[in-house]
């Protein structure tokens, strides 16, 4: 049994009310969200994310239409592709590689994009096509270009858009290149986690235009939404807004297998020391400490192997050399054991960064910002662009 049009209308209204209540959906976008529901862009087989269990469970529209429609109208992210399209079957794959973002994230990013009538928008990462459809409904199809690297995903999005009567230009290509044929743009919105801002995005954005992107470092999987305003000199600068989590741009994913060769025999010739810092001090998921350390310790990858509450190993790997470090935390012990190897003392850098952040009063994420040069080089700052972090 599927929902009747009246039931679908109520479900859509309930979602919109919820998003308006938390300030994500603005009045300017409310009519568009009602006119262009996410249900029109989802395939029959989807994997909604269960917030309670932290798992993605498959739902097929033909087998469980009510469950499928509940998921479509729920404020949860929905995976639509695994493993770059190489996955088959109904069980989740290894890596989620395309999805429909949760409506809260979509609505709040469109709010922060701050579009106005007549503006041209470039979207990097078409996915299901829902976000492009929302932009096209609001601004007109001729003012929206969306770039998708996966040809199958792009074709599915085009088909979904055609069914809605909307026709933004969907380009199959690498989003890092933007789409110069449609430039200049007033706004660029990126719907994949990035580790580098492509110079092409700056080149293709008008002076005074905005680039909105989930940006982060290879230190962690964390992304923070940054709102960059492009200057006349080709640079862009702006604040971080809040933590988000996106699938990473394909060309900028981190290959963790590369670090297996760093530690052929533990501990080898590593130096040994002790620290009073705890695993909690390093910061967990969505915690600012972890993101700030990533800003202060460049070209470093970090992963935690947690064995028990407050116990486990925190690993650090240099992206440019074979330097590595590991801090081993044990329950009930006040000190952790640290091993460091290679020319770069990674743990010392992490400890200095955390000490500095604490001395600054543990500033929240939205007090930090980013400046990007015309060549894509980045510089992080605290409070204002002139106050560059002492580590960069």
Protein backbone atom coordinates (compact mmCIF):
# COMPACT_ATOMS: atom_id res chain seq x y z
CA UNK A 1 0.00 0.00 0.00
CA UNK A 2 1.37 3.44 -0.97
CA UNK A 3 0.50 6.82 0.46
CA UNK A 4 -2.40 8.65 -1.13
CA UNK A 5 -1.73 12.11 -2.60
CA UNK A 6 -3.41 13.57 0.48
CA UNK A 7 -1.14 11.55 2.78
CA UNK A 8 1.92 12.56 0.75
CA UNK A 9 0.85 16.18 1.07
CA UNK A 10 0.57 15.86 4.84
CA UNK A 11 3.95 14.14 5.04
CA UNK A 12 5.55 16.90 2.99
CA UNK A 13 3.87 19.60 5.07
CA UNK A 14 5.01 17.96 8.30
CA UNK A 15 8.61 17.83 7.10
CA UNK A 16 8.45 21.46 5.97
CA UNK A 17 6.99 22.57 9.32
CA UNK A 18 9.76 20.74 11.13
CA UNK A 19 12.45 22.38 8.99
CA UNK A 20 10.86 25.81 9.40
CA UNK A 21 10.66 25.28 13.15
CA UNK A 22 14.41 24.80 13.46
CA UNK A 23 15.20 27.67 11.09
CA UNK A 24 16.57 25.57 8.23
CA UNK A 25 13.77 26.21 5.73
CA UNK A 26 13.19 29.90 5.05
CA UNK A 27 9.94 31.33 3.68
CA UNK A 28 11.67 31.98 0.33
CA UNK A 29 12.31 28.24 -0.07
CA UNK A 30 9.13 26.84 1.49
CA UNK A 31 7.04 26.85 -1.70
CA UNK A 32 9.85 25.26 -3.69
CA UNK A 33 10.29 22.45 -1.16
CA UNK A 34 6.58 21.76 -1.31
CA UNK A 35 6.55 21.78 -5.13
CA UNK A 36 9.67 19.61 -5.59
CA UNK A 37 9.58 16.73 -3.07
CA UNK A 38 12.55 14.42 -2.59
CA UNK A 39 10.38 11.41 -3.49
CA UNK A 40 10.60 12.34 -7.18
CA UNK A 41 14.37 11.81 -7.22
CA UNK A 42 14.89 8.57 -5.33
CA UNK A 43 15.43 5.19 -7.04
CA UNK A 44 13.35 2.19 -6.06
CA UNK A 45 16.18 0.63 -4.01
CA UNK A 46 17.57 2.93 -1.32
CA UNK A 47 19.46 2.64 1.97
CA UNK A 48 18.08 5.13 4.52
CA UNK A 49 20.38 5.88 7.45
CA UNK A 50 18.97 4.76 10.79
CA UNK A 51 19.91 7.43 13.35
CA UNK A 52 19.29 5.07 16.27
CA UNK A 53 21.52 2.22 15.12
CA UNK A 54 23.97 4.14 12.93
CA UNK A 55 23.35 1.70 10.07
CA UNK A 56 21.99 1.92 6.54
CA UNK A 57 19.27 -0.66 5.82
CA UNK A 58 17.90 -1.33 2.36
CA UNK A 59 14.30 -0.55 1.44
CA UNK A 60 12.79 -1.41 -1.94
CA UNK A 61 9.79 0.52 -3.13
CA UNK A 62 8.22 -2.52 -4.75
CA UNK A 63 8.53 -4.68 -1.64
CA UNK A 64 7.83 -2.13 1.09
CA UNK A 65 6.19 0.99 -0.44
CA UNK A 66 5.10 2.49 2.89
CA UNK A 67 8.56 2.11 4.44
CA UNK A 68 10.11 3.59 1.28
CA UNK A 69 7.84 6.63 1.40
CA UNK A 70 8.36 7.11 5.15
CA UNK A 71 12.11 7.17 4.51
CA UNK A 72 11.70 9.58 1.59
CA UNK A 73 9.87 12.10 3.80
CA UNK A 74 12.08 11.54 6.85
CA UNK A 75 14.85 13.93 7.79
CA UNK A 76 17.60 11.33 7.22
CA UNK A 77 20.29 10.87 4.58
CA UNK A 78 19.62 8.11 2.04
CA UNK A 79 22.39 6.23 0.25
CA UNK A 80 21.60 5.66 -3.42
CA UNK A 81 24.91 4.17 -4.60
CA UNK A 82 27.73 2.12 -3.08
CA UNK A 83 31.31 1.60 -4.25
CA UNK A 84 31.14 3.89 -7.30
CA UNK A 85 28.41 1.76 -8.84
CA UNK A 86 30.30 -1.55 -8.60
CA UNK A 87 28.05 -2.82 -5.79
CA UNK A 88 25.21 -5.26 -6.38
CA UNK A 89 22.54 -6.71 -4.13
CA UNK A 90 20.52 -5.24 -1.30
CA UNK A 91 23.07 -5.39 1.51
CA UNK A 92 25.07 -2.19 2.08
CA UNK A 93 28.34 -1.97 0.18
CA UNK A 94 31.74 -0.92 1.49
CA UNK A 95 31.76 2.82 0.76
CA UNK A 96 28.70 5.00 0.19
CA UNK A 97 29.42 7.01 -2.97
CA UNK A 98 26.17 8.81 -3.80
CA UNK A 99 23.19 9.82 -1.74
CA UNK A 100 20.25 12.10 -1.12
CA UNK A 101 21.32 14.37 1.73
CA UNK A 102 19.03 14.79 4.70
CA UNK A 103 16.47 17.55 4.05
CA UNK A 104 17.77 19.63 6.97
CA UNK A 105 21.21 19.80 5.36
CA UNK A 106 19.78 20.62 1.92
CA UNK A 107 17.49 23.35 3.25
CA UNK A 108 20.09 24.96 5.50
CA UNK A 109 22.73 25.01 2.76
CA UNK A 110 20.31 26.64 0.33
CA UNK A 111 19.47 29.18 3.02
CA UNK A 112 23.18 29.95 3.49
CA UNK A 113 23.73 30.16 -0.26
CA UNK A 114 21.50 33.26 -0.22
CA UNK A 115 20.37 33.24 -3.85
CA UNK A 116 18.28 35.94 -5.46
CA UNK A 117 16.28 36.22 -8.65
CA UNK A 118 18.44 36.24 -11.76
CA UNK A 119 21.49 34.64 -10.18
CA UNK A 120 23.42 31.88 -11.91
CA UNK A 121 24.46 28.86 -9.83
CA UNK A 122 27.00 26.10 -10.37
CA UNK A 123 26.43 22.93 -8.37
CA UNK A 124 29.30 20.46 -7.94
CA UNK A 125 27.86 16.99 -7.32
CA UNK A 126 24.46 16.38 -8.90
CA UNK A 127 23.64 13.15 -7.09
CA UNK A 128 19.94 12.40 -7.38
CA UNK A 129 19.26 15.80 -8.93
CA UNK A 130 17.02 16.99 -6.10
CA UNK A 131 19.18 19.95 -5.11
CA UNK A 132 19.54 21.05 -8.74
CA UNK A 133 15.76 20.80 -9.11
CA UNK A 134 15.17 23.00 -6.07
CA UNK A 135 17.55 25.61 -7.44
CA UNK A 136 15.98 25.42 -10.92
CA UNK A 137 12.47 25.83 -9.52
CA UNK A 138 13.54 28.91 -7.58
CA UNK A 139 15.85 30.55 -10.14
CA UNK A 140 14.79 29.07 -13.48
CA UNK A 141 16.38 26.08 -15.20
CA UNK A 142 18.53 28.23 -17.49
CA UNK A 143 20.35 29.68 -14.47
CA UNK A 144 21.49 26.35 -12.98
CA UNK A 145 24.37 24.10 -14.04
CA UNK A 146 25.16 20.89 -12.16
CA UNK A 147 28.26 18.73 -12.65
CA UNK A 148 28.35 15.00 -11.80
CA UNK A 149 31.39 12.76 -12.22
CA UNK A 150 29.48 9.46 -12.43
CA UNK A 151 27.84 8.98 -15.83
CA UNK A 152 25.15 6.60 -14.52
CA UNK A 153 24.25 8.94 -11.66
CA UNK A 154 24.13 11.90 -14.05
CA UNK A 155 21.81 10.05 -16.42
CA UNK A 156 19.46 9.05 -13.59
CA UNK A 157 19.35 12.66 -12.42
CA UNK A 158 18.55 13.91 -15.93
CA UNK A 159 15.68 11.44 -16.17
CA UNK A 160 14.28 12.48 -12.79
CA UNK A 161 14.55 16.16 -13.69
CA UNK A 162 12.79 15.58 -16.99
CA UNK A 163 9.87 13.93 -15.19
CA UNK A 164 9.43 17.06 -13.07
CA UNK A 165 9.48 19.39 -16.06
CA UNK A 166 12.69 21.08 -14.89
CA UNK A 167 15.75 21.24 -17.12
CA UNK A 168 18.89 22.60 -15.47
CA UNK A 169 22.03 21.69 -17.42
CA UNK A 170 23.52 18.46 -16.04
CA UNK A 171 27.12 17.98 -17.13
CA UNK A 172 28.94 14.68 -16.78
CA UNK A 173 32.49 15.53 -15.76
CA UNK A 174 34.90 16.17 -12.90
CA UNK A 175 33.41 18.80 -10.61
CA UNK A 176 36.88 20.15 -9.83
CA UNK A 177 36.87 21.64 -13.33
CA UNK A 178 33.58 23.43 -12.77
CA UNK A 179 31.87 24.27 -16.06
CA UNK A 180 33.50 27.23 -17.81
CA UNK A 181 30.93 27.24 -20.61
CA UNK A 182 28.31 28.45 -18.15
CA UNK A 183 30.46 30.97 -16.26
CA UNK A 184 30.42 33.44 -14.69
CA UNK A 185 28.42 32.25 -11.67
CA UNK A 186 27.03 34.21 -8.76
CA UNK A 187 27.03 31.17 -6.52
CA UNK A 188 28.86 27.85 -6.40
CA UNK A 189 27.49 25.14 -4.12
CA UNK A 190 29.49 21.96 -3.52
CA UNK A 191 27.66 18.86 -2.28
CA UNK A 192 30.70 16.65 -1.62
CA UNK A 193 33.34 16.89 1.07
CA UNK A 194 36.46 18.58 -0.33
CA UNK A 195 40.04 18.71 0.86
CA UNK A 196 41.08 21.39 -1.63
CA UNK A 197 39.13 24.27 -3.17
CA UNK A 198 39.56 24.04 -6.92
CA UNK A 199 41.04 27.20 -8.49
CA UNK A 200 38.52 26.76 -11.32
CA UNK A 201 35.66 27.48 -8.90
CA UNK A 202 37.24 30.83 -8.03
CA UNK A 203 37.92 31.65 -11.69
CA UNK A 204 34.31 30.92 -12.65
CA UNK A 205 32.72 32.96 -9.83
CA UNK A 206 31.96 36.66 -10.14
CA UNK A 207 33.70 39.12 -7.83
CA UNK A 208 31.48 39.29 -4.77
CA UNK A 209 30.07 35.85 -5.52
CA UNK A 210 29.92 33.04 -3.00
CA UNK A 211 31.33 29.50 -2.86
CA UNK A 212 29.64 27.27 -0.29
CA UNK A 213 31.46 24.00 0.34
CA UNK A 214 31.94 21.26 2.97
CA UNK A 215 35.70 21.61 3.52
CA UNK A 216 38.08 19.72 5.74
CA UNK A 217 41.59 18.33 6.08
CA UNK A 218 42.87 14.79 5.72
CA UNK A 219 43.38 14.79 9.49
CA UNK A 220 39.85 13.37 9.83
CA UNK A 221 36.62 12.63 7.97
CA UNK A 222 35.13 15.83 9.40
CA UNK A 223 33.79 18.51 7.09
CA UNK A 224 32.84 22.04 8.05
CA UNK A 225 30.67 24.19 5.84
CA UNK A 226 32.65 27.23 4.72
CA UNK A 227 31.13 30.28 3.02
CA UNK A 228 33.74 31.98 0.85
CA UNK A 229 33.27 35.36 -0.82
CA UNK A 230 35.37 35.89 -3.94
CA UNK A 231 37.39 39.12 -4.14
CA UNK A 232 38.40 41.14 -7.20
CA UNK A 233 41.97 39.81 -6.88
CA UNK A 234 40.78 36.23 -7.34
CA UNK A 235 41.08 35.22 -3.69
CA UNK A 236 38.18 34.04 -1.56
CA UNK A 237 37.70 34.23 2.17
CA UNK A 238 34.99 33.50 4.71
CA UNK A 239 33.94 31.81 7.94
CA UNK A 240 33.18 28.23 8.82
CA UNK A 241 29.49 27.90 9.64
CA UNK A 242 29.01 24.47 11.24
CA UNK A 243 30.01 20.84 11.10
CA UNK A 244 28.54 18.69 8.33
CA UNK A 245 29.37 15.28 6.90
CA UNK A 246 29.55 14.53 3.19
CA UNK A 247 30.90 11.82 0.94
CA UNK A 248 34.27 12.98 -0.28
CA UNK A 249 35.01 14.24 -3.77
CA UNK A 250 36.29 11.16 -5.61
CA UNK A 251 39.61 12.66 -6.62
CA UNK A 252 40.29 13.79 -3.03
CA UNK A 253 39.57 10.62 -1.08
CA UNK A 254 42.35 9.46 1.23
CA UNK A 255 43.81 6.02 0.52
CA UNK A 256 44.36 4.58 3.99
CA UNK A 257 46.16 1.53 2.62
CA UNK A 258 49.19 3.71 1.88
CA UNK A 259 49.98 3.90 5.60
CA UNK A 260 50.41 0.14 6.05
CA UNK A 261 54.04 0.48 4.97
CA UNK A 262 54.76 3.21 7.52
CA UNK A 263 55.02 0.87 10.50
CA UNK A 264 56.49 -2.44 9.28
CA UNK A 265 57.48 -3.49 12.81
CA UNK A 266 56.03 -1.75 15.85
CA UNK A 267 57.58 0.08 17.64
CA UNK A 268 60.79 -0.22 15.63
CA UNK A 269 63.12 2.73 16.18
CA UNK A 270 60.41 5.06 17.47
CA UNK A 271 61.13 7.48 20.31
CA UNK A 272 59.07 6.91 23.46
CA UNK A 273 57.53 9.57 25.69
CA UNK A 274 54.49 10.15 27.93
CA UNK A 275 51.57 12.57 27.79
CA UNK A 276 48.84 13.64 30.22
CA UNK A 277 46.37 14.25 27.42
CA UNK A 278 43.45 11.84 27.20
CA UNK A 279 41.66 10.37 24.20
CA UNK A 280 38.74 12.69 24.97
CA UNK A 281 41.08 15.69 24.60
CA UNK A 282 41.62 14.76 20.96
CA UNK A 283 37.92 15.32 20.26
CA UNK A 284 35.34 12.97 18.81
CA UNK A 285 32.97 13.07 15.89
CA UNK A 286 31.56 16.58 15.31
CA UNK A 287 33.78 17.98 18.09
CA UNK A 288 35.69 21.18 17.30
CA UNK A 289 38.94 19.99 18.90
CA UNK A 290 39.51 17.42 16.19
CA UNK A 291 38.75 19.87 13.38
CA UNK A 292 40.95 22.61 14.86
CA UNK A 293 43.90 20.24 15.24
CA UNK A 294 43.46 19.39 11.56
CA UNK A 295 43.78 23.10 10.76
CA UNK A 296 46.92 23.42 12.90
CA UNK A 297 48.69 20.19 11.89
CA UNK A 298 48.73 20.20 8.07
CA UNK A 299 49.32 17.17 5.86
CA UNK A 300 48.56 14.73 8.65
CA UNK A 301 46.08 11.84 8.72
CA UNK A 302 44.61 10.72 12.03
CA UNK A 303 42.63 7.65 13.03
CA UNK A 304 41.57 6.23 16.40
CA UNK A 305 41.33 2.54 17.21
CA UNK A 306 39.17 2.61 20.32
CA UNK A 307 39.21 -0.58 22.43
CA UNK A 308 37.25 0.58 25.46
CA UNK A 309 35.82 3.78 26.90
CA UNK A 310 38.78 6.14 27.17
CA UNK A 311 41.20 3.46 25.98
CA UNK A 312 42.72 2.73 22.60
CA UNK A 313 45.34 3.99 20.16
CA UNK A 314 45.38 7.26 18.24
CA UNK A 315 47.53 7.07 15.10
CA UNK A 316 49.03 9.96 13.12
CA UNK A 317 50.65 9.72 9.67
CA UNK A 318 52.51 12.36 7.68
CA UNK A 319 51.28 12.62 4.10
CA UNK A 320 54.66 13.74 2.71
CA UNK A 321 57.11 11.47 4.54
CA UNK A 322 57.11 8.19 6.46
CA UNK A 323 56.81 9.98 9.80
CA UNK A 324 54.23 8.53 12.17
CA UNK A 325 53.16 8.66 15.79
CA UNK A 326 50.81 6.73 18.05
CA UNK A 327 49.45 7.56 21.49
CA UNK A 328 48.29 4.54 23.48
CA UNK A 329 45.67 5.25 26.14
CA UNK A 330 44.81 2.75 28.88
CA UNK A 331 41.80 2.84 31.20
CA UNK A 332 42.66 3.97 34.71
CA UNK A 333 46.15 5.21 33.81
CA UNK A 334 46.79 8.98 34.04
CA UNK A 335 49.50 9.00 31.36
CA UNK A 336 49.49 7.69 27.82
CA UNK A 337 52.50 6.21 26.06
CA UNK A 338 53.59 7.96 22.86
CA UNK A 339 55.76 6.54 20.08
CA UNK A 340 57.10 8.83 17.33
CA UNK A 341 59.16 7.93 14.30
CA UNK A 342 60.58 9.89 11.38
CA UNK A 343 61.79 13.47 10.91
CA UNK A 344 58.42 14.99 11.79
CA UNK A 345 57.32 14.87 15.44
CA UNK A 346 53.61 14.54 14.77
CA UNK A 347 52.45 14.00 18.35
CA UNK A 348 54.39 17.06 19.51
CA UNK A 349 52.58 19.11 16.84
CA UNK A 350 49.20 17.75 17.95
CA UNK A 351 49.93 18.51 21.58
CA UNK A 352 51.05 22.06 20.76
CA UNK A 353 47.89 22.63 18.72
CA UNK A 354 45.61 21.45 21.54
CA UNK A 355 47.53 23.55 24.07
CA UNK A 356 47.17 26.63 21.85
CA UNK A 357 43.43 26.02 21.35
CA UNK A 358 42.95 25.70 25.11
CA UNK A 359 44.92 28.91 25.76
CA UNK A 360 42.66 30.74 23.29
CA UNK A 361 39.63 29.73 25.38
CA UNK A 362 38.62 26.74 23.18
CA UNK A 363 37.02 28.91 20.47
CA UNK A 364 34.08 27.38 18.64
CA UNK A 365 34.24 26.40 15.00
CA UNK A 366 32.36 29.48 13.74
CA UNK A 367 35.15 31.74 15.04
CA UNK A 368 37.51 30.23 12.50
CA UNK A 369 37.65 30.88 8.78
CA UNK A 370 39.54 30.16 5.59
CA UNK A 371 41.23 32.18 2.87
CA UNK A 372 41.88 30.55 -0.51
CA UNK A 373 44.37 31.94 -3.01
CA UNK A 374 43.79 31.99 -6.78
CA UNK A 375 45.95 28.86 -7.04
CA UNK A 376 43.90 27.00 -4.43
CA UNK A 377 46.33 27.38 -1.53
CA UNK A 378 44.55 27.76 1.80
CA UNK A 379 45.21 29.66 5.00
CA UNK A 380 43.12 29.24 8.15
CA UNK A 381 42.46 32.06 10.58
CA UNK A 382 40.80 32.89 13.89
CA UNK A 383 38.29 35.77 14.14
CA UNK A 384 39.53 37.64 11.03
CA UNK A 385 41.63 36.86 7.95
CA UNK A 386 44.58 38.88 9.25
CA UNK A 387 44.86 36.61 12.31
CA UNK A 388 46.38 33.60 10.59
CA UNK A 389 46.83 30.53 12.78
CA UNK A 390 50.42 30.40 14.11
CA UNK A 391 50.93 26.90 12.71
CA UNK A 392 50.22 27.69 9.03
